[in-house]
């Protein structure tokens, strides 16, 4: 996971463009202009996009992919665990409402 090549401004700009595209994807998946509740499949999509954005930010802007040891895997696993807990809470909540 360790990559010692320097991160260039061009590289960060391309990652930023990807993050902006993912933000638009979040708006689409989250049905921003739609009134009503989201089904768990749409929430899963939102959380997946959130995970991808978090990994990009951690790896490229916070340079976690250049960290020594298991730090990158630890943070990515922690983010995945938090998002899975959020999905479980949403699934239980949406199941108890219906």
Foldseek 3Di string as FASTA:
>chain_A
DADDDDADPVNVVVLVVVLVVLVVVLCVLVVVVDDDDDDLVSLVVNLVSVLVNVLSCCCRVVVVNNDPDCRSVVVSVVSVVVSVVVSVVVNVVVVVVD
